[in-house]
C-alpha atoms as a PDB file:
ATOM      1  CA  UNK A   1       3.638 -12.402 -16.041  1.00  0.00           C
ATOM      2  CA  UNK A   2       6.777 -11.128 -17.765  1.00  0.00           C
ATOM      3  CA  UNK A   3       6.605  -7.915 -15.738  1.00  0.00           C
ATOM      4  CA  UNK A   4       6.351  -9.919 -12.521  1.00  0.00           C
ATOM      5  CA  UNK A   5       9.586 -11.656 -13.486  1.00  0.00           C
ATOM      6  CA  UNK A   6      11.242  -8.300 -14.183  1.00  0.00           C
ATOM      7  CA  UNK A   7      10.190  -6.960 -10.775  1.00  0.00           C
ATOM      8  CA  UNK A   8      11.399 -10.130  -9.056  1.00  0.00           C
ATOM      9  CA  UNK A   9      14.665  -9.966 -10.983  1.00  0.00           C
ATOM     10  CA  UNK A  10      15.179  -6.347  -9.924  1.00  0.00           C
ATOM     11  CA  UNK A  11      14.689  -7.282  -6.266  1.00  0.00           C
ATOM     12  CA  UNK A  12      17.073 -10.233  -6.610  1.00  0.00           C
ATOM     13  CA  UNK A  13      19.648  -8.096  -8.386  1.00  0.00           C
ATOM     14  CA  UNK A  14      19.711  -5.480  -5.644  1.00  0.00           C
ATOM     15  CA  UNK A  15      20.019  -8.172  -2.969  1.00  0.00           C
ATOM     16  CA  UNK A  16      22.858  -9.845  -4.879  1.00  0.00           C
ATOM     17  CA  UNK A  17      24.731  -6.574  -5.346  1.00  0.00           C
ATOM     18  CA  UNK A  18      24.283  -5.756  -1.672  1.00  0.00           C
ATOM     19  CA  UNK A  19      25.606  -9.173  -0.670  1.00  0.00           C
ATOM     20  CA  UNK A  20      28.690  -8.763  -2.848  1.00  0.00           C
ATOM     21  CA  UNK A  21      29.537  -5.347  -1.406  1.00  0.00           C
ATOM     22  CA  UNK A  22      28.306  -5.985   2.137  1.00  0.00           C
ATOM     23  CA  UNK A  23      28.529  -9.609   3.308  1.00  0.00           C
ATOM     24  CA  UNK A  24      25.459 -10.429   5.328  1.00  0.00           C
ATOM     25  CA  UNK A  25      23.298  -7.895   3.469  1.00  0.00           C
ATOM     26  CA  UNK A  26      20.888 -10.669   2.438  1.00  0.00           C
ATOM     27  CA  UNK A  27      21.271 -12.776   5.584  1.00  0.00           C
ATOM     28  CA  UNK A  28      18.023 -13.982   7.108  1.00  0.00           C
ATOM     29  CA  UNK A  29      17.933 -11.360   9.938  1.00  0.00           C
ATOM     30  CA  UNK A  30      18.577  -8.580   7.425  1.00  0.00           C
ATOM     31  CA  UNK A  31      16.141 -10.002   4.892  1.00  0.00           C
ATOM     32  CA  UNK A  32      13.497 -10.451   7.591  1.00  0.00           C
ATOM     33  CA  UNK A  33      13.861  -6.803   8.606  1.00  0.00           C
ATOM     34  CA  UNK A  34      13.524  -5.692   4.969  1.00  0.00           C
ATOM     35  CA  UNK A  35      10.440  -7.877   4.505  1.00  0.00           C
ATOM     36  CA  UNK A  36       8.767  -6.342   7.559  1.00  0.00           C
ATOM     37  CA  UNK A  37       9.417  -2.811   6.294  1.00  0.00           C
ATOM     38  CA  UNK A  38       8.281  -3.820   2.787  1.00  0.00           C
ATOM     39  CA  UNK A  39       5.073  -5.251   4.230  1.00  0.00           C
ATOM     40  CA  UNK A  40       3.843  -1.762   5.182  1.00  0.00           C
ATOM     41  CA  UNK A  41       4.210  -0.627   1.587  1.00  0.00           C
ATOM     42  CA  UNK A  42       2.725  -3.933   0.481  1.00  0.00           C
ATOM     43  CA  UNK A  43      -0.458  -3.407   2.502  1.00  0.00           C
ATOM     44  CA  UNK A  44      -1.012   0.072   1.103  1.00  0.00           C
ATOM     45  CA  UNK A  45      -0.032  -0.969  -2.424  1.00  0.00           C
ATOM     46  CA  UNK A  46      -2.615  -3.770  -2.374  1.00  0.00           C
ATOM     47  CA  UNK A  47      -5.379  -1.176  -2.283  1.00  0.00           C
ATOM     48  CA  UNK A  48      -3.592   1.191  -4.651  1.00  0.00           C
ATOM     49  CA  UNK A  49      -3.198  -1.641  -7.150  1.00  0.00           C
ATOM     50  CA  UNK A  50      -6.913  -2.443  -7.053  1.00  0.00           C
ATOM     51  CA  UNK A  51      -7.971   1.078  -8.020  1.00  0.00           C
ATOM     52  CA  UNK A  52      -5.173   1.416 -10.583  1.00  0.00           C
ATOM     53  CA  UNK A  53      -6.460  -1.760 -12.266  1.00  0.00           C
ATOM     54  CA  UNK A  54      -9.621   0.152 -13.196  1.00  0.00           C
ATOM     55  CA  UNK A  55      -7.720   3.257 -14.253  1.00  0.00           C
ATOM     56  CA  UNK A  56      -8.106   5.097 -10.936  1.00  0.00           C
ATOM     57  CA  UNK A  57      -5.794   6.306  -8.212  1.00  0.00           C
ATOM     58  CA  UNK A  58      -6.100   6.822  -4.456  1.00  0.00           C
ATOM     59  CA  UNK A  59      -4.412   9.961  -3.112  1.00  0.00           C
ATOM     60  CA  UNK A  60      -6.197   9.765   0.245  1.00  0.00           C
ATOM     61  CA  UNK A  61      -3.918   6.986   1.502  1.00  0.00           C
ATOM     62  CA  UNK A  62      -1.661   9.122   3.769  1.00  0.00           C
ATOM     63  CA  UNK A  63      -4.398  10.354   6.071  1.00  0.00           C
ATOM     64  CA  UNK A  64      -6.602   7.290   5.841  1.00  0.00           C
ATOM     65  CA  UNK A  65      -3.584   5.439   7.226  1.00  0.00           C
ATOM     66  CA  UNK A  66      -2.818   8.143   9.784  1.00  0.00           C
ATOM     67  CA  UNK A  67      -6.431   8.553  10.866  1.00  0.00           C
ATOM     68  CA  UNK A  68      -6.875   4.821  11.359  1.00  0.00           C
ATOM     69  CA  UNK A  69      -3.661   4.660  13.397  1.00  0.00           C
ATOM     70  CA  UNK A  70      -4.809   7.469  15.679  1.00  0.00           C
ATOM     71  CA  UNK A  71      -8.280   5.945  16.094  1.00  0.00           C
ATOM     72  CA  UNK A  72      -6.729   2.599  17.001  1.00  0.00           C
ATOM     73  CA  UNK A  73      -4.599   3.922  19.828  1.00  0.00           C
ATOM     74  CA  UNK A  74      -7.136   6.400  21.188  1.00  0.00           C
ATOM     75  CA  UNK A  75      -9.775   3.660  21.231  1.00  0.00           C
ATOM     76  CA  UNK A  76      -7.579   0.891  22.646  1.00  0.00           C
ATOM     77  CA  UNK A  77      -5.825   3.119  25.225  1.00  0.00           C
ATOM     78  CA  UNK A  78      -3.128   0.481  25.524  1.00  0.00           C
ATOM     79  CA  UNK A  79      -5.551  -2.104  26.958  1.00  0.00           C
ATOM     80  CA  UNK A  80      -5.431  -5.600  25.383  1.00  0.00           C
ATOM     81  CA  UNK A  81      -9.110  -6.167  26.105  1.00  0.00           C
ATOM     82  CA  UNK A  82     -10.071  -3.179  23.960  1.00  0.00           C
ATOM     83  CA  UNK A  83      -7.927  -4.236  20.996  1.00  0.00           C
ATOM     84  CA  UNK A  84     -10.612  -6.139  18.997  1.00  0.00           C
ATOM     85  CA  UNK A  85     -13.006  -3.183  19.200  1.00  0.00           C
ATOM     86  CA  UNK A  86     -10.201  -0.742  18.363  1.00  0.00           C
ATOM     87  CA  UNK A  87      -9.245  -2.800  15.306  1.00  0.00           C
ATOM     88  CA  UNK A  88     -12.835  -2.705  14.059  1.00  0.00           C
ATOM     89  CA  UNK A  89     -12.986   1.057  14.557  1.00  0.00           C
ATOM     90  CA  UNK A  90      -9.688   1.616  12.712  1.00  0.00           C
ATOM     91  CA  UNK A  91     -10.670  -0.578   9.761  1.00  0.00           C
ATOM     92  CA  UNK A  92     -14.126   1.025   9.693  1.00  0.00           C
ATOM     93  CA  UNK A  93     -12.460   4.429   9.298  1.00  0.00           C
ATOM     94  CA  UNK A  94     -10.633   3.133   6.229  1.00  0.00           C
ATOM     95  CA  UNK A  95     -13.751   1.476   4.817  1.00  0.00           C
ATOM     96  CA  UNK A  96     -15.841   4.623   5.289  1.00  0.00           C
ATOM     97  CA  UNK A  97     -13.250   6.831   3.602  1.00  0.00           C
ATOM     98  CA  UNK A  98     -12.852   4.363   0.741  1.00  0.00           C
ATOM     99  CA  UNK A  99     -16.618   4.039   0.330  1.00  0.00           C
ATOM    100  CA  UNK A 100     -16.975   7.816   0.132  1.00  0.00           C
ATOM    101  CA  UNK A 101     -14.199   7.936  -2.477  1.00  0.00           C
ATOM    102  CA  UNK A 102     -15.851   5.199  -4.520  1.00  0.00           C
ATOM    103  CA  UNK A 103     -19.282   6.819  -4.421  1.00  0.00           C
ATOM    104  CA  UNK A 104     -17.816  10.160  -5.430  1.00  0.00           C
ATOM    105  CA  UNK A 105     -15.891   8.682  -8.354  1.00  0.00           C
ATOM    106  CA  UNK A 106     -18.453   6.131  -9.590  1.00  0.00           C
ATOM    107  CA  UNK A 107     -21.785   7.822  -8.906  1.00  0.00           C
ATOM    108  CA  UNK A 108     -21.051  11.549  -8.812  1.00  0.00           C
ATOM    109  CA  UNK A 109     -18.485  11.523 -11.601  1.00  0.00           C
ATOM    110  CA  UNK A 110     -15.813  13.337  -9.604  1.00  0.00           C
ATOM    111  CA  UNK A 111     -12.336  12.681 -11.064  1.00  0.00           C
ATOM    112  CA  UNK A 112     -10.416  10.220  -8.871  1.00  0.00           C
ATOM    113  CA  UNK A 113      -7.528  12.641  -8.350  1.00  0.00           C
ATOM    114  CA  UNK A 114      -9.841  15.379  -7.100  1.00  0.00           C
ATOM    115  CA  UNK A 115     -12.067  13.129  -4.988  1.00  0.00           C
ATOM    116  CA  UNK A 116      -9.300  11.264  -3.198  1.00  0.00           C
ATOM    117  CA  UNK A 117      -7.135  14.344  -2.715  1.00  0.00           C
ATOM    118  CA  UNK A 118     -10.127  16.128  -1.189  1.00  0.00           C
ATOM    119  CA  UNK A 119     -10.792  13.157   1.097  1.00  0.00           C
ATOM    120  CA  UNK A 120      -7.148  13.232   2.179  1.00  0.00           C
ATOM    121  CA  UNK A 121      -7.589  16.866   3.220  1.00  0.00           C
ATOM    122  CA  UNK A 122     -10.823  16.123   5.079  1.00  0.00           C
ATOM    123  CA  UNK A 123      -9.214  13.281   7.033  1.00  0.00           C
ATOM    124  CA  UNK A 124      -6.151  15.369   7.771  1.00  0.00           C
ATOM    125  CA  UNK A 125      -8.339  18.079   9.245  1.00  0.00           C
ATOM    126  CA  UNK A 126     -10.358  15.603  11.288  1.00  0.00           C
ATOM    127  CA  UNK A 127      -7.215  13.899  12.585  1.00  0.00           C
ATOM    128  CA  UNK A 128      -5.601  17.186  13.564  1.00  0.00           C
ATOM    129  CA  UNK A 129      -8.831  18.271  15.238  1.00  0.00           C
ATOM    130  CA  UNK A 130      -9.259  15.072  17.221  1.00  0.00           C
ATOM    131  CA  UNK A 131      -5.616  14.964  18.294  1.00  0.00           C
ATOM    132  CA  UNK A 132      -5.383  18.758  18.736  1.00  0.00           C
ATOM    133  CA  UNK A 133      -2.173  18.633  16.733  1.00  0.00           C
ATOM    134  CA  UNK A 134      -0.462  16.423  19.291  1.00  0.00           C
ATOM    135  CA  UNK A 135       1.163  13.044  18.773  1.00  0.00           C
ATOM    136  CA  UNK A 136       0.134  10.066  20.850  1.00  0.00           C
ATOM    137  CA  UNK A 137       3.371  10.360  22.777  1.00  0.00           C
ATOM    138  CA  UNK A 138       1.859  13.382  24.478  1.00  0.00           C
ATOM    139  CA  UNK A 139      -1.696  12.055  24.774  1.00  0.00           C
ATOM    140  CA  UNK A 140      -0.503   8.811  26.379  1.00  0.00           C
ATOM    141  CA  UNK A 141      -2.069   6.277  24.008  1.00  0.00           C
ATOM    142  CA  UNK A 142      -0.066   3.261  22.905  1.00  0.00           C
ATOM    143  CA  UNK A 143      -0.627   0.063  20.950  1.00  0.00           C
ATOM    144  CA  UNK A 144      -1.709  -2.851  23.170  1.00  0.00           C
ATOM    145  CA  UNK A 145       0.902  -5.526  23.737  1.00  0.00           C
ATOM    146  CA  UNK A 146      -0.786  -8.242  21.580  1.00  0.00           C
ATOM    147  CA  UNK A 147      -0.453  -5.973  18.548  1.00  0.00           C
ATOM    148  CA  UNK A 148       3.185  -5.133  19.269  1.00  0.00           C
ATOM    149  CA  UNK A 149       3.873  -8.832  19.796  1.00  0.00           C
ATOM    150  CA  UNK A 150       3.004  -9.578  16.161  1.00  0.00           C
ATOM    151  CA  UNK A 151       6.433  -8.546  14.933  1.00  0.00           C
ATOM    152  CA  UNK A 152       8.282  -9.761  13.057  1.00  0.00           C
ATOM    153  CA  UNK A 153       6.813 -13.164  12.197  1.00  0.00           C
ATOM    154  CA  UNK A 154       3.169 -12.237  12.709  1.00  0.00           C
ATOM    155  CA  UNK A 155       3.428  -9.233  10.404  1.00  0.00           C
ATOM    156  CA  UNK A 156       4.881 -11.370   7.629  1.00  0.00           C
ATOM    157  CA  UNK A 157       2.103 -13.922   8.072  1.00  0.00           C
ATOM    158  CA  UNK A 158      -0.504 -11.151   7.804  1.00  0.00           C
ATOM    159  CA  UNK A 159       1.160  -9.903   4.611  1.00  0.00           C
ATOM    160  CA  UNK A 160       1.230 -13.434   3.207  1.00  0.00           C
ATOM    161  CA  UNK A 161      -2.488 -13.691   3.989  1.00  0.00           C
ATOM    162  CA  UNK A 162      -3.193 -10.407   2.215  1.00  0.00           C
ATOM    163  CA  UNK A 163      -1.132 -11.527  -0.794  1.00  0.00           C
ATOM    164  CA  UNK A 164      -3.017 -14.820  -0.970  1.00  0.00           C
ATOM    165  CA  UNK A 165      -6.396 -13.113  -0.598  1.00  0.00           C
ATOM    166  CA  UNK A 166      -5.767 -10.487  -3.292  1.00  0.00           C
ATOM    167  CA  UNK A 167      -4.291 -13.046  -5.687  1.00  0.00           C
ATOM    168  CA  UNK A 168      -7.160 -15.500  -5.247  1.00  0.00           C
ATOM    169  CA  UNK A 169      -9.811 -12.786  -5.620  1.00  0.00           C
ATOM    170  CA  UNK A 170      -8.264 -11.368  -8.793  1.00  0.00           C
ATOM    171  CA  UNK A 171      -7.414 -14.655 -10.518  1.00  0.00           C
ATOM    172  CA  UNK A 172      -9.986 -17.190  -9.365  1.00  0.00           C
ATOM    173  CA  UNK A 173     -13.242 -15.297  -8.833  1.00  0.00           C
ATOM    174  CA  UNK A 174     -15.894 -13.715 -11.003  1.00  0.00           C
ATOM    175  CA  UNK A 175     -15.303 -10.416  -9.241  1.00  0.00           C
ATOM    176  CA  UNK A 176     -11.645 -10.512 -10.280  1.00  0.00           C
ATOM    177  CA  UNK A 177     -12.559 -11.062 -13.918  1.00  0.00           C
ATOM    178  CA  UNK A 178     -14.921  -8.120 -13.699  1.00  0.00           C
ATOM    179  CA  UNK A 179     -12.155  -5.931 -12.288  1.00  0.00           C
ATOM    180  CA  UNK A 180      -9.902  -6.649 -15.261  1.00  0.00           C
ATOM    181  CA  UNK A 181     -12.810  -6.211 -17.687  1.00  0.00           C
ATOM    182  CA  UNK A 182     -13.590  -2.764 -16.265  1.00  0.00           C
ATOM    183  CA  UNK A 183      -9.916  -1.832 -16.454  1.00  0.00           C
ATOM    184  CA  UNK A 184      -9.580  -2.865 -20.082  1.00  0.00           C
ATOM    185  CA  UNK A 185     -12.776  -1.211 -21.338  1.00  0.00           C
ATOM    186  CA  UNK A 186     -15.422   0.123 -18.935  1.00  0.00           C
ATOM    187  CA  UNK A 187     -17.970   0.659 -21.710  1.00  0.00           C
ATOM    188  CA  UNK A 188     -17.620  -2.849 -23.074  1.00  0.00           C
ATOM    189  CA  UNK A 189     -17.769  -4.258 -19.550  1.00  0.00           C
ATOM    190  CA  UNK A 190     -21.000  -2.346 -18.893  1.00  0.00           C
ATOM    191  CA  UNK A 191     -22.566  -3.624 -22.108  1.00  0.00           C
ATOM    192  CA  UNK A 192     -21.550  -7.153 -21.090  1.00  0.00           C
ATOM    193  CA  UNK A 193     -23.558  -6.791 -17.885  1.00  0.00           C
ATOM    194  CA  UNK A 194     -20.793  -5.885 -15.434  1.00  0.00           C
ATOM    195  CA  UNK A 195     -21.836  -3.457 -12.695  1.00  0.00           C
ATOM    196  CA  UNK A 196     -19.029  -0.993 -13.357  1.00  0.00           C
ATOM    197  CA  UNK A 197     -20.069   1.429 -10.637  1.00  0.00           C
ATOM    198  CA  UNK A 198     -20.423  -1.308  -8.051  1.00  0.00           C
ATOM    199  CA  UNK A 199     -16.995  -2.729  -8.878  1.00  0.00           C
ATOM    200  CA  UNK A 200     -15.435   0.724  -8.648  1.00  0.00           C
ATOM    201  CA  UNK A 201     -17.025   1.467  -5.269  1.00  0.00           C
ATOM    202  CA  UNK A 202     -15.908  -1.922  -3.931  1.00  0.00           C
ATOM    203  CA  UNK A 203     -12.305  -1.358  -5.027  1.00  0.00           C
ATOM    204  CA  UNK A 204     -12.024   2.088  -3.455  1.00  0.00           C
ATOM    205  CA  UNK A 205     -13.536   0.716  -0.254  1.00  0.00           C
ATOM    206  CA  UNK A 206     -10.947  -2.052  -0.199  1.00  0.00           C
ATOM    207  CA  UNK A 207      -8.204   0.497  -0.821  1.00  0.00           C
ATOM    208  CA  UNK A 208      -9.324   2.364   2.289  1.00  0.00           C
ATOM    209  CA  UNK A 209      -9.366  -0.851   4.321  1.00  0.00           C
ATOM    210  CA  UNK A 210      -5.848  -1.812   3.229  1.00  0.00           C
ATOM    211  CA  UNK A 211      -4.552   1.696   4.033  1.00  0.00           C
ATOM    212  CA  UNK A 212      -6.126   1.424   7.485  1.00  0.00           C
ATOM    213  CA  UNK A 213      -4.549  -2.017   7.919  1.00  0.00           C
ATOM    214  CA  UNK A 214      -1.161  -0.488   7.131  1.00  0.00           C
ATOM    215  CA  UNK A 215      -1.813   2.120   9.829  1.00  0.00           C
ATOM    216  CA  UNK A 216      -2.655  -0.617  12.326  1.00  0.00           C
ATOM    217  CA  UNK A 217       0.511  -2.550  11.515  1.00  0.00           C
ATOM    218  CA  UNK A 218       2.687   0.562  11.699  1.00  0.00           C
ATOM    219  CA  UNK A 219       1.322   1.325  15.149  1.00  0.00           C
ATOM    220  CA  UNK A 220       2.109  -2.233  16.201  1.00  0.00           C
ATOM    221  CA  UNK A 221       5.640  -1.841  14.851  1.00  0.00           C
ATOM    222  CA  UNK A 222       6.384   1.554  16.372  1.00  0.00           C
ATOM    223  CA  UNK A 223       4.170   1.346  19.453  1.00  0.00           C
ATOM    224  CA  UNK A 224       2.336   4.607  18.754  1.00  0.00           C
ATOM    225  CA  UNK A 225       1.323   6.779  15.802  1.00  0.00           C
ATOM    226  CA  UNK A 226       2.571  10.225  14.902  1.00  0.00           C
ATOM    227  CA  UNK A 227       1.151  12.949  12.715  1.00  0.00           C
ATOM    228  CA  UNK A 228       2.410  12.508   9.162  1.00  0.00           C
ATOM    229  CA  UNK A 229       2.885   8.764   9.653  1.00  0.00           C
ATOM    230  CA  UNK A 230       1.292   7.970   6.300  1.00  0.00           C
ATOM    231  CA  UNK A 231       2.978  10.660   4.191  1.00  0.00           C
ATOM    232  CA  UNK A 232       5.749   8.462   2.692  1.00  0.00           C
ATOM    233  CA  UNK A 233       3.328   5.764   1.628  1.00  0.00           C
ATOM    234  CA  UNK A 234       1.541   7.634  -1.147  1.00  0.00           C
ATOM    235  CA  UNK A 235       4.605   7.724  -3.381  1.00  0.00           C
ATOM    236  CA  UNK A 236       5.816   4.327  -2.219  1.00  0.00           C
ATOM    237  CA  UNK A 237       2.482   2.645  -2.940  1.00  0.00           C
ATOM    238  CA  UNK A 238       2.354   4.072  -6.449  1.00  0.00           C
ATOM    239  CA  UNK A 239       6.028   3.215  -7.024  1.00  0.00           C
ATOM    240  CA  UNK A 240       5.522  -0.380  -5.843  1.00  0.00           C
ATOM    241  CA  UNK A 241       2.535  -0.719  -8.169  1.00  0.00           C
ATOM    242  CA  UNK A 242       4.305   0.551 -11.281  1.00  0.00           C
ATOM    243  CA  UNK A 243       7.604  -1.203 -10.507  1.00  0.00           C
ATOM    244  CA  UNK A 244       5.552  -4.355  -9.945  1.00  0.00           C
ATOM    245  CA  UNK A 245       4.355  -4.218 -13.542  1.00  0.00           C
ATOM    246  CA  UNK A 246       0.792  -2.980 -13.059  1.00  0.00           C
ATOM    247  CA  UNK A 247      -0.334  -0.844 -15.987  1.00  0.00           C
ATOM    248  CA  UNK A 248      -1.159   2.658 -14.786  1.00  0.00           C
ATOM    249  CA  UNK A 249      -3.841   2.735 -17.508  1.00  0.00           C
ATOM    250  CA  UNK A 250      -5.626  -0.226 -15.945  1.00  0.00           C
ATOM    251  CA  UNK A 251      -6.508  -3.765 -16.938  1.00  0.00           C
ATOM    252  CA  UNK A 252      -3.111  -5.411 -16.422  1.00  0.00           C
ATOM    253  CA  UNK A 253      -1.131  -6.475 -13.368  1.00  0.00           C
ATOM    254  CA  UNK A 254      -0.671  -9.030 -10.605  1.00  0.00           C
ATOM    255  CA  UNK A 255      -0.116  -8.585  -6.879  1.00  0.00           C
ATOM    256  CA  UNK A 256       2.905 -10.905  -7.006  1.00  0.00           C
ATOM    257  CA  UNK A 257       4.644  -8.166  -8.985  1.00  0.00           C
ATOM    258  CA  UNK A 258       3.626  -5.554  -6.419  1.00  0.00           C
ATOM    259  CA  UNK A 259       5.156  -7.676  -3.650  1.00  0.00           C
ATOM    260  CA  UNK A 260       8.401  -7.819  -5.615  1.00  0.00           C
ATOM    261  CA  UNK A 261       8.146  -4.098  -6.294  1.00  0.00           C
ATOM    262  CA  UNK A 262       7.786  -3.285  -2.596  1.00  0.00           C
ATOM    263  CA  UNK A 263      10.778  -5.466  -1.736  1.00  0.00           C
ATOM    264  CA  UNK A 264      12.821  -3.846  -4.517  1.00  0.00           C
ATOM    265  CA  UNK A 265      12.140  -0.358  -3.155  1.00  0.00           C
ATOM    266  CA  UNK A 266      13.119  -1.354   0.393  1.00  0.00           C
ATOM    267  CA  UNK A 267      16.221  -3.232  -0.810  1.00  0.00           C
ATOM    268  CA  UNK A 268      17.363  -0.197  -2.818  1.00  0.00           C
ATOM    269  CA  UNK A 269      16.851   2.102   0.170  1.00  0.00           C
ATOM    270  CA  UNK A 270      18.680  -0.292   2.517  1.00  0.00           C
ATOM    271  CA  UNK A 271      21.563  -0.709   0.064  1.00  0.00           C
ATOM    272  CA  UNK A 272      21.985   3.043  -0.359  1.00  0.00           C
ATOM    273  CA  UNK A 273      21.971   3.519   3.412  1.00  0.00           C
ATOM    274  CA  UNK A 274      24.618   0.807   3.734  1.00  0.00           C
ATOM    275  CA  UNK A 275      26.675   2.696   1.154  1.00  0.00           C
ATOM    276  CA  UNK A 276      26.239   5.853   3.244  1.00  0.00           C
ATOM    277  CA  UNK A 277      24.878   7.743   0.269  1.00  0.00           C
ATOM    278  CA  UNK A 278      23.614  11.226   1.302  1.00  0.00           C
ATOM    279  CA  UNK A 279      19.865  11.789   1.383  1.00  0.00           C
ATOM    280  CA  UNK A 280      19.798  13.816  -1.852  1.00  0.00           C
ATOM    281  CA  UNK A 281      21.789  11.092  -3.601  1.00  0.00           C
ATOM    282  CA  UNK A 282      19.469   8.371  -2.305  1.00  0.00           C
ATOM    283  CA  UNK A 283      16.452  10.226  -3.678  1.00  0.00           C
ATOM    284  CA  UNK A 284      18.083  10.648  -7.090  1.00  0.00           C
ATOM    285  CA  UNK A 285      19.195   7.025  -7.363  1.00  0.00           C
ATOM    286  CA  UNK A 286      15.859   5.789  -6.011  1.00  0.00           C
ATOM    287  CA  UNK A 287      14.055   7.680  -8.771  1.00  0.00           C
ATOM    288  CA  UNK A 288      16.507   6.514 -11.435  1.00  0.00           C
ATOM    289  CA  UNK A 289      16.010   2.855 -10.477  1.00  0.00           C
ATOM    290  CA  UNK A 290      12.259   3.254 -10.870  1.00  0.00           C
ATOM    291  CA  UNK A 291      12.693   4.973 -14.257  1.00  0.00           C
ATOM    292  CA  UNK A 292      15.040   2.262 -15.528  1.00  0.00           C
ATOM    293  CA  UNK A 293      12.558  -0.467 -14.621  1.00  0.00           C
ATOM    294  CA  UNK A 294       9.714   1.445 -16.269  1.00  0.00           C
ATOM    295  CA  UNK A 295      11.801   1.920 -19.423  1.00  0.00           C
ATOM    296  CA  UNK A 296      12.377  -1.838 -19.484  1.00  0.00           C
ATOM    297  CA  UNK A 297       8.613  -2.343 -19.266  1.00  0.00           C
ATOM    298  CA  UNK A 298       8.116   0.128 -22.105  1.00  0.00           C
ATOM    299  CA  UNK A 299      10.525  -1.774 -24.347  1.00  0.00           C
ATOM    300  CA  UNK A 300       8.784  -5.038 -23.468  1.00  0.00           C
ATOM    301  CA  UNK A 301       5.393  -3.608 -24.374  1.00  0.00           C
ATOM    302  CA  UNK A 302       6.750  -2.277 -27.673  1.00  0.00           C
ATOM    303  CA  UNK A 303       7.850  -5.781 -28.647  1.00  0.00           C
ATOM    304  CA  UNK A 304       4.636  -7.533 -27.503  1.00  0.00           C
END
């Protein structure tokens, strides 16, 4: 839990510094806007965290997210009555991609990096083929009004629900204990009777579902998808996970830290924009903040 406190402290520190230099930086309207933006990273990072807990990684997130977003709008066609079916289709896309990743990693022995990167390419090709390289602005498909009406309060409630679900599953269920056991030592977990392959497949499937959920929420926020919509979220999901104190080697971490990590990343970006730092400077400082936090974690681990 010490790492969760570090991540929360980092988020609080950035907000405090922003408030000192820019009065109103942490006002409720500003904070609400940052929370909404952080929620998109938070959805994706929920799935990324799950696979990282067992020593894996999911590089298919960008086009799982993008593919789900495109399927949502092309299925719903802007009609509220078609929204429930469109949501099922979008989430099914994520579940199918995640299931394929999990089967490839757990049953075929394909390295996670190779399997998920290959799946990302497959989904990119399918998405480009289905959309013919056009954005939904040109094909005339938009998010139905009920989905757009979620923001901002509805989106935050959905994120709170995801946070509660992931936390309860990992801390209060047998499945959660199995996840941590597999992350600490897969061989020992197998000998103890844990279905290591089944757990792995389930986690990759959930990662796909959470990436698809992020695509759905982004469409609701922006009104329509665009090609490349998910590209920023691969790095951001991994950054939120490691800044949130989840061990990249598996077996250690809590979603509360990931939530704080996502908010820290958004707060840093917002602060640098308020300071009118050029893009190249923002990228450098953004990376340095992440490195400083990771160095703090390294010193903590050395003294444990």
